[in-house]
Protein backbone atom coordinates (compact mmCIF):
# COMPACT_ATOMS: atom_id res chain seq x y z
CA MET A 1 19.00 -6.27 -16.18
CA ILE A 2 18.74 -8.89 -13.42
CA TYR A 3 16.35 -8.23 -10.57
CA THR A 4 15.87 -9.80 -7.18
CA LEU A 5 13.48 -9.71 -4.27
CA GLN A 6 14.54 -7.69 -1.25
CA GLY A 7 15.06 -10.84 0.80
CA PRO A 8 13.48 -12.08 2.83
CA CYS A 9 10.19 -11.17 1.15
CA ARG A 10 7.64 -9.73 3.55
CA PHE A 11 4.84 -11.81 2.05
CA CYS A 12 6.20 -15.25 1.27
CA ASN A 13 9.20 -16.69 3.04
CA SER A 14 9.22 -19.70 0.71
CA LEU A 15 10.17 -17.65 -2.35
CA VAL A 16 13.45 -18.34 -4.04
CA LEU A 17 15.53 -15.20 -3.73
CA SER A 18 17.70 -13.68 -6.48
CA LEU A 19 15.44 -15.20 -9.13
CA PRO A 20 16.43 -13.93 -12.61
CA ILE A 21 13.48 -12.39 -14.44
CA ASP A 22 13.54 -11.97 -18.18
CA GLU A 23 12.54 -8.68 -19.78
CA CYS A 24 9.31 -10.16 -21.10
CA ASN A 25 8.06 -10.99 -17.62
CA ILE A 26 9.20 -7.68 -16.15
CA LEU A 27 6.95 -5.86 -18.58
CA GLY A 28 4.03 -8.14 -17.84
CA GLU A 29 3.88 -9.40 -21.42
CA ALA A 30 4.03 -12.94 -20.14
CA ASN A 31 3.05 -14.23 -16.74
CA VAL A 32 4.56 -17.66 -16.72
CA ALA A 33 3.05 -19.87 -14.03
CA THR A 34 0.95 -17.10 -12.51
CA THR A 35 -2.18 -19.18 -12.96
CA GLY A 36 -0.76 -22.15 -11.08
CA ASP A 37 -2.12 -23.27 -7.75
CA ASP A 38 1.20 -22.58 -6.03
CA THR A 39 1.20 -18.82 -6.58
CA MET A 40 0.83 -16.54 -3.60
CA PHE A 41 -2.21 -14.56 -4.73
CA ASN A 42 -3.95 -17.09 -6.95
CA ASN A 43 -7.27 -17.14 -5.06
CA SER A 44 -9.62 -15.95 -7.80
CA GLU A 45 -11.79 -19.05 -7.63
CA TRP A 46 -12.34 -18.50 -3.92
CA LEU A 47 -13.14 -14.81 -4.45
CA ARG A 48 -15.65 -15.60 -7.20
CA GLN A 49 -17.97 -17.17 -4.63
CA ILE A 50 -19.19 -13.64 -3.85
CA SER A 51 -20.96 -11.95 -6.75
CA GLU A 52 -22.18 -8.36 -6.44
CA GLU A 53 -23.34 -5.59 -8.72
CA VAL A 54 -20.97 -2.64 -8.86
CA VAL A 55 -22.00 0.22 -6.58
CA ASP A 56 -21.80 3.71 -8.11
CA PRO A 57 -19.97 2.42 -11.22
CA ASP A 58 -19.37 5.82 -12.83
CA ARG A 59 -17.38 7.32 -9.95
CA ASP A 60 -13.78 8.10 -10.87
CA LEU A 61 -11.32 6.31 -8.59
CA VAL A 62 -7.63 6.62 -7.85
CA ASP A 63 -6.13 3.61 -6.10
CA PRO A 64 -3.11 5.11 -4.31
CA HIS A 65 -1.69 1.91 -2.85
CA HIS A 66 -0.97 -1.37 -4.63
CA HIS A 67 1.96 -3.67 -5.29
CA LEU A 68 3.32 -5.74 -8.19
CA TRP A 69 5.88 -8.54 -8.40
CA PRO A 70 7.70 -9.89 -11.46
CA GLN A 71 8.26 -13.23 -9.73
CA PRO A 72 5.79 -15.81 -11.10
CA SER A 73 5.58 -17.40 -7.65
CA MET A 74 3.78 -14.30 -6.37
CA GLY A 75 1.17 -14.32 -9.14
CA TYR A 76 0.50 -10.58 -9.23
CA ASN A 77 2.00 -8.52 -12.03
CA LEU A 78 0.54 -5.89 -14.37
CA THR A 79 -1.91 -8.28 -16.01
CA GLU A 80 -3.44 -9.25 -12.68
CA LEU A 81 -3.62 -5.65 -11.49
CA LEU A 82 -5.44 -4.51 -14.62
CA SER A 83 -7.80 -7.46 -14.35
CA ASP A 84 -8.76 -6.32 -10.85
CA THR A 85 -9.06 -2.63 -11.67
CA SER A 86 -11.25 -3.38 -14.69
CA ASP A 87 -13.69 -5.52 -12.71
CA GLY A 88 -16.51 -2.99 -12.78
CA HIS A 89 -15.18 0.03 -10.91
CA LYS A 90 -13.83 3.02 -12.83
CA VAL A 91 -10.21 3.12 -11.67
CA SER A 92 -8.47 5.65 -13.87
CA GLN A 93 -5.15 5.93 -12.01
CA THR A 94 -3.05 4.12 -9.44
CA VAL A 95 0.01 4.81 -7.34
CA TYR A 96 2.43 1.94 -6.93
CA MET A 97 3.77 1.33 -3.42
CA GLU A 98 7.21 -0.17 -2.83
CA CYS A 99 7.24 -3.71 -1.45
CA GLY A 100 10.79 -4.98 -1.91
CA ALA A 101 10.14 -6.33 -5.40
CA ALA A 102 12.53 -6.46 -8.37
CA TYR A 103 15.62 -5.08 -6.67
CA PHE A 104 18.81 -5.02 -8.67
CA LYS A 105 20.89 -8.09 -8.00
CA GLU A 106 24.19 -6.35 -8.69
CA GLY A 107 25.72 -2.97 -7.99
CA PRO A 108 26.02 -0.75 -4.91
CA GLU A 109 23.78 -1.92 -2.09
CA HIS A 110 22.25 1.49 -1.51
CA LEU A 111 21.05 1.56 -5.14
CA MET A 112 19.53 -1.93 -5.32
CA SER A 113 16.02 -0.64 -4.60
CA VAL A 114 16.20 1.41 -7.81
CA GLY A 115 15.54 -1.84 -9.67
CA GLU A 116 12.00 -1.77 -8.31
CA THR A 117 11.43 1.72 -9.68
CA GLU A 118 12.72 0.71 -13.10
CA PHE A 119 10.46 -2.35 -13.07
CA ILE A 120 7.38 -0.23 -12.32
CA ALA A 121 8.32 2.44 -14.86
CA ASN A 122 8.38 -0.31 -17.49
CA ALA A 123 5.03 -1.67 -16.31
CA ALA A 124 3.50 1.80 -16.47
CA LYS A 125 4.89 2.27 -19.97
CA LEU A 126 3.29 -0.97 -21.09
CA ALA A 127 -0.10 -0.01 -19.59
CA LYS A 128 0.10 3.24 -21.53
CA GLU A 129 1.01 1.47 -24.76
CA GLN A 130 -1.98 -0.83 -24.27
CA ASN A 131 -4.28 2.18 -23.73
CA SER A 132 -5.44 0.58 -20.50
CA PRO A 133 -8.36 2.33 -18.76
CA THR A 134 -6.18 2.24 -15.63
CA GLN A 135 -2.79 3.93 -15.70
CA ILE A 136 0.00 3.75 -13.11
CA ALA A 137 0.34 7.48 -12.57
CA GLY A 138 2.88 7.58 -9.77
CA LEU A 139 5.17 5.43 -7.68
CA ILE A 140 6.55 5.42 -4.17
CA ALA A 141 10.06 3.99 -3.89
CA HIS A 142 12.12 2.62 -1.03
CA ALA A 143 15.10 4.39 0.50
CA ASP A 144 16.73 4.20 3.91
CA LEU A 145 16.37 7.75 5.14
CA ARG A 146 19.44 7.28 7.34
CA ASP A 147 21.69 6.53 4.37
CA GLU A 148 24.56 8.95 3.81
CA HIS A 149 23.92 8.47 0.09
CA LEU A 150 20.24 9.46 0.37
CA ASP A 151 20.31 12.20 -2.25
CA SER A 152 22.07 9.92 -4.72
CA VAL A 153 19.45 7.24 -4.13
CA LEU A 154 16.61 9.71 -4.67
CA ASP A 155 18.27 11.02 -7.83
CA ALA A 156 18.59 7.46 -9.15
CA HIS A 157 14.94 6.68 -8.47
CA ASP A 158 13.92 9.87 -10.24
CA LYS A 159 16.16 9.18 -13.23
CA VAL A 160 14.66 5.77 -14.07
CA SER A 161 11.06 6.52 -13.09
CA ASN A 162 9.92 8.20 -16.34
CA GLY A 163 8.51 11.03 -14.26
CA LEU A 164 6.52 8.79 -11.89
CA PHE A 165 8.62 9.16 -8.70
CA ARG A 166 6.53 10.87 -6.03
CA GLY A 167 7.88 9.83 -2.65
CA VAL A 168 9.50 7.32 -0.33
CA ARG A 169 8.22 4.61 1.94
CA GLN A 170 10.30 3.19 4.76
CA ALA A 171 8.24 0.89 6.93
CA GLY A 172 8.40 1.35 10.67
CA ALA A 173 6.56 -1.85 11.54
CA CYS A 174 8.64 -3.71 14.10
CA ALA A 175 7.41 -7.21 15.00
CA ALA A 176 10.40 -8.18 17.12
CA GLY A 177 9.30 -10.85 19.59
CA ILE A 178 5.72 -11.04 18.32
CA GLU A 179 4.63 -14.55 17.40
CA GLY A 180 1.80 -15.55 15.07
CA LEU A 181 2.04 -12.84 12.39
CA VAL A 182 1.65 -13.75 8.72
CA ILE A 183 3.47 -10.59 7.58
CA PRO A 184 5.93 -9.64 10.35
CA GLY A 185 7.42 -6.18 10.00
CA ALA A 186 11.20 -6.18 10.16
CA ALA A 187 11.95 -2.54 10.91
CA GLU A 188 14.44 -1.64 13.60
CA ALA A 189 12.90 -0.74 16.94
CA GLY A 190 12.91 2.99 17.63
CA LEU A 191 13.55 3.89 13.98
CA PHE A 192 11.41 7.02 14.01
CA GLY A 193 13.32 8.49 16.94
CA GLN A 194 16.75 8.27 15.35
CA ASP A 195 18.36 11.59 14.50
CA ALA A 196 19.65 10.36 11.14
CA PHE A 197 16.18 9.14 10.18
CA ARG A 198 14.61 12.48 11.07
CA ARG A 199 17.22 14.35 9.07
CA GLY A 200 16.45 12.14 6.10
CA LEU A 201 12.73 12.71 6.49
CA ASP A 202 13.30 16.43 6.53
CA ARG A 203 15.46 16.12 3.43
CA ILE A 204 12.84 14.36 1.32
CA GLY A 205 10.36 17.06 2.35
CA GLN A 206 12.80 19.70 1.13
CA ARG A 207 12.86 17.89 -2.19
CA GLY A 208 9.07 17.95 -2.45
CA LEU A 209 8.68 14.22 -1.87
CA THR A 210 6.12 12.51 0.36
CA PHE A 211 6.71 9.90 3.05
CA ASP A 212 4.53 6.81 3.44
CA THR A 213 4.94 4.40 6.31
CA TRP A 214 3.47 1.15 7.55
CA LEU A 215 3.54 0.45 11.28
CA TYR A 216 1.58 -1.30 14.03
CA HIS A 217 -1.06 0.20 16.28
CA PHE A 218 1.25 0.25 19.31
CA GLN A 219 3.70 2.43 17.35
CA LEU A 220 1.29 5.25 16.54
CA ARG A 221 2.64 7.45 19.31
CA GLU A 222 6.09 7.17 17.76
CA LEU A 223 4.64 8.47 14.50
CA ILE A 224 2.94 11.34 16.34
CA ALA A 225 6.30 12.40 17.76
CA LEU A 226 7.91 12.08 14.32
CA ALA A 227 5.25 14.18 12.60
CA ARG A 228 5.67 16.91 15.20
CA ALA A 229 9.45 16.83 14.89
CA VAL A 230 9.43 17.12 11.08
CA PRO A 231 6.35 19.23 10.34
CA GLU A 232 7.36 20.35 6.84
CA THR A 233 7.29 16.85 5.31
CA THR A 234 4.00 15.33 4.15
CA ILE A 235 3.47 11.99 5.91
CA ILE A 236 0.93 9.37 4.88
CA LEU A 237 -0.22 6.77 7.38
CA ASP A 238 -0.81 3.45 5.64
CA HIS A 239 -3.44 0.92 6.70
CA PHE A 240 -4.81 2.78 9.75
CA GLY A 241 -1.62 1.93 11.63
CA THR A 242 -2.46 -1.81 11.36
CA PRO A 243 -4.47 -2.66 14.48
CA LEU A 244 -3.41 -6.26 15.10
CA GLY A 245 -5.84 -9.05 15.98
CA VAL A 246 -3.78 -12.25 15.95
CA GLY A 247 -1.12 -13.86 18.13
CA PRO A 248 -0.86 -12.09 21.50
CA PHE A 249 -3.40 -9.49 20.30
CA ALA A 250 -6.19 -12.00 19.60
CA GLY A 251 -9.30 -11.39 21.68
CA GLN A 252 -8.32 -7.80 22.51
CA ARG A 253 -10.08 -5.99 19.66
CA GLU A 254 -12.22 -3.68 21.81
CA ALA A 255 -9.38 -2.62 24.10
CA ILE A 256 -7.02 -2.06 21.17
CA PHE A 257 -9.72 -0.12 19.33
CA GLU A 258 -10.18 2.32 22.22
CA THR A 259 -6.47 3.08 22.45
CA TRP A 260 -6.20 3.25 18.68
CA LYS A 261 -9.04 5.78 18.50
CA SER A 262 -7.26 8.09 20.93
CA ASP A 263 -3.97 7.83 19.07
CA ILE A 264 -5.60 8.46 15.68
CA ALA A 265 -7.33 11.56 17.04
CA GLU A 266 -4.01 12.91 18.32
CA LEU A 267 -2.19 12.06 15.09
CA ALA A 268 -4.85 13.94 13.13
CA LEU A 269 -3.86 17.12 14.97
CA CYS A 270 -0.64 17.08 12.93
CA PRO A 271 -1.57 18.97 9.74
CA ASN A 272 1.22 17.34 7.72
CA VAL A 273 -0.27 13.85 8.13
CA PHE A 274 -2.75 12.23 5.73
CA ALA A 275 -4.54 8.91 6.23
CA LYS A 276 -5.06 6.03 3.85
CA LEU A 277 -8.37 4.27 4.31
CA GLY A 278 -7.77 0.59 3.65
CA GLY A 279 -5.29 -2.20 4.26
CA LEU A 280 -7.35 -3.47 7.19
CA ALA A 281 -8.10 -6.84 5.58
CA MET A 282 -4.59 -8.22 5.95
CA PRO A 283 -4.49 -11.58 7.74
CA ASP A 284 -2.78 -10.02 10.76
CA ASN A 285 -5.72 -7.69 11.37
CA GLY A 286 -7.50 -10.81 12.58
CA PHE A 287 -10.94 -10.50 11.03
CA GLY A 288 -10.83 -14.17 10.12
CA TRP A 289 -11.50 -13.92 6.39
CA TYR A 290 -8.11 -15.21 5.28
CA GLY A 291 -8.44 -18.99 4.99
CA ARG A 292 -12.20 -19.00 5.51
CA ASP A 293 -14.42 -21.13 3.27
CA ILE A 294 -16.19 -18.09 1.81
CA PRO A 295 -14.86 -14.51 1.51
CA PRO A 296 -16.85 -11.61 2.96
CA SER A 297 -19.51 -9.65 1.10
CA SER A 298 -19.31 -5.88 1.06
CA ASP A 299 -22.07 -5.74 3.68
CA GLU A 300 -20.13 -8.02 6.02
CA PHE A 301 -17.02 -5.95 5.41
CA VAL A 302 -18.88 -2.74 6.28
CA ASP A 303 -20.36 -4.24 9.43
CA ALA A 304 -16.96 -5.42 10.65
CA GLN A 305 -14.75 -2.47 9.74
CA SER A 306 -16.78 0.72 9.35
CA PRO A 307 -15.95 2.01 12.88
CA TYR A 308 -12.29 2.36 11.87
CA TYR A 309 -13.18 4.23 8.69
CA GLU A 310 -15.76 6.45 10.33
CA HIS A 311 -13.45 7.46 13.16
CA THR A 312 -10.50 8.21 10.89
CA ILE A 313 -12.59 10.31 8.51
CA ALA A 314 -14.12 12.17 11.47
CA CYS A 315 -10.65 12.97 12.83
CA PHE A 316 -8.79 13.82 9.62
CA GLY A 317 -11.70 15.09 7.54
CA PRO A 318 -12.33 13.99 3.95
CA GLU A 319 -9.72 16.52 2.81
CA ARG A 320 -6.93 14.42 4.34
CA CYS A 321 -8.23 10.90 3.62
CA MET A 322 -7.87 8.62 0.59
CA PHE A 323 -9.21 5.12 0.01
CA GLU A 324 -6.64 2.44 -0.87
CA SER A 325 -6.90 -1.18 -1.96
CA ASN A 326 -3.57 -2.48 -0.64
CA PHE A 327 -3.83 -5.12 -3.34
CA PRO A 328 -2.92 -7.83 -3.69
CA VAL A 329 -2.21 -8.22 0.03
CA ASP A 330 -5.82 -7.54 1.02
CA ARG A 331 -6.83 -9.82 -1.86
CA LEU A 332 -6.04 -12.66 0.53
CA SER A 333 -9.29 -11.69 2.29
CA VAL A 334 -11.57 -9.82 -0.14
CA GLY A 335 -12.13 -9.19 -3.85
CA TYR A 336 -11.45 -5.87 -5.56
CA ARG A 337 -15.05 -5.24 -6.62
CA VAL A 338 -16.37 -6.15 -3.18
CA LEU A 339 -13.78 -3.97 -1.43
CA TRP A 340 -14.60 -0.81 -3.38
CA ASN A 341 -18.32 -1.57 -3.05
CA ALA A 342 -17.79 -1.54 0.71
CA PHE A 343 -15.94 1.78 0.55
CA LYS A 344 -18.76 3.33 -1.46
CA LYS A 345 -21.42 1.98 0.89
CA MET A 346 -19.58 3.41 3.90
CA THR A 347 -19.60 6.86 2.34
CA SER A 348 -23.04 6.89 0.72
CA HIS A 349 -24.20 9.64 3.11
CA PHE A 350 -21.31 11.99 2.31
CA SER A 351 -21.61 14.89 -0.09
CA GLU A 352 -20.42 14.52 -3.67
CA ASP A 353 -17.53 16.88 -2.96
CA ASP A 354 -16.38 14.80 0.00
CA LYS A 355 -16.67 11.57 -1.95
CA ASN A 356 -14.63 13.02 -4.78
CA LEU A 357 -11.93 14.01 -2.30
CA MET A 358 -11.64 10.59 -0.68
CA PHE A 359 -11.94 8.54 -3.86
CA SER A 360 -9.63 10.59 -6.09
CA GLY A 361 -9.00 14.22 -5.16
CA VAL A 362 -6.80 13.79 -2.10
CA ALA A 363 -4.63 11.15 -3.79
CA ARG A 364 -4.12 13.42 -6.78
CA LYS A 365 -3.22 16.36 -4.55
CA VAL A 366 -0.84 14.48 -2.25
CA TYR A 367 0.91 12.54 -5.02
CA ARG A 368 0.76 15.34 -7.60
CA LEU A 369 -1.14 13.41 -10.25
CA GLU A 370 -2.60 15.09 -13.30
CA THR A 371 -6.30 14.44 -13.82
CA PRO A 372 -6.67 12.34 -17.01
């Protein structure tokens, strides 16, 4: 099968689209050129400047949000994921999140995203064959909820997923007219208010599937309205709603934070919404770590970002929160060991039951994962 990126790629506009990928590379058995200096996420030498002992190394973790790409120019496939998850923390399971990777190059347009699901099913199969300590236990696929062929698309994802298909993500992030973003969201303005979209969201809920979405902080009220309009579908907010800190939003962190806090508190009143704790180290969040000489330590990370985590947990409660890595995108700013050290430091005062919920239990419940 021939795969392609969903062009243009959200993370690297310089990628060559429609790049054929051989079966060996799809499975992660070979990662040609992924150690070259020109790969997107090849920053391991930079990350190694920070060395820390693992905090709470025996705690079982589920990472419910990561990506993979078969394209060597991205430099993050199964081998790189397993290298990160085995770097000291006990990550037993992950959930793959769609990112426009490995789409089919040929066939009906509405089914091209099924190539990504097939790619991840193969990667998960290989991890199982290798008896990896970390297993890809679920996947979230892409579908346009407005598509008249929605049920056929969902059926196709399910058919090739080897039982891993758990839900859909359709990003709502709309960066139209915003300059200075490294990862500009390309969603249509007003997507969440469209009748066809809401019907599709209701449909995936009827099928027992979840809905993840990525959006910007100024779109949180649109998500609140959506969650109220479709209360029977489980919705997961990715990345805190991405409070921006670059371009026209630079220098406005305190003002944005105050509005964001109010919106998060109101969103938490919707019982069908869950929150992912992470994804706040993307370059567009504006914390200044991307491109810096030295990456942050876990203590610096906690000092800079804990107010967002503390507020979200206080609003949603541990029973509706799950920590996420958002790797390798957040890898542009922080290492995997350091990131999870920071998460554990932030929650050191919580009870064991609450920690277990946020680090594994909620993800397993929401995404219907069997405990290994």
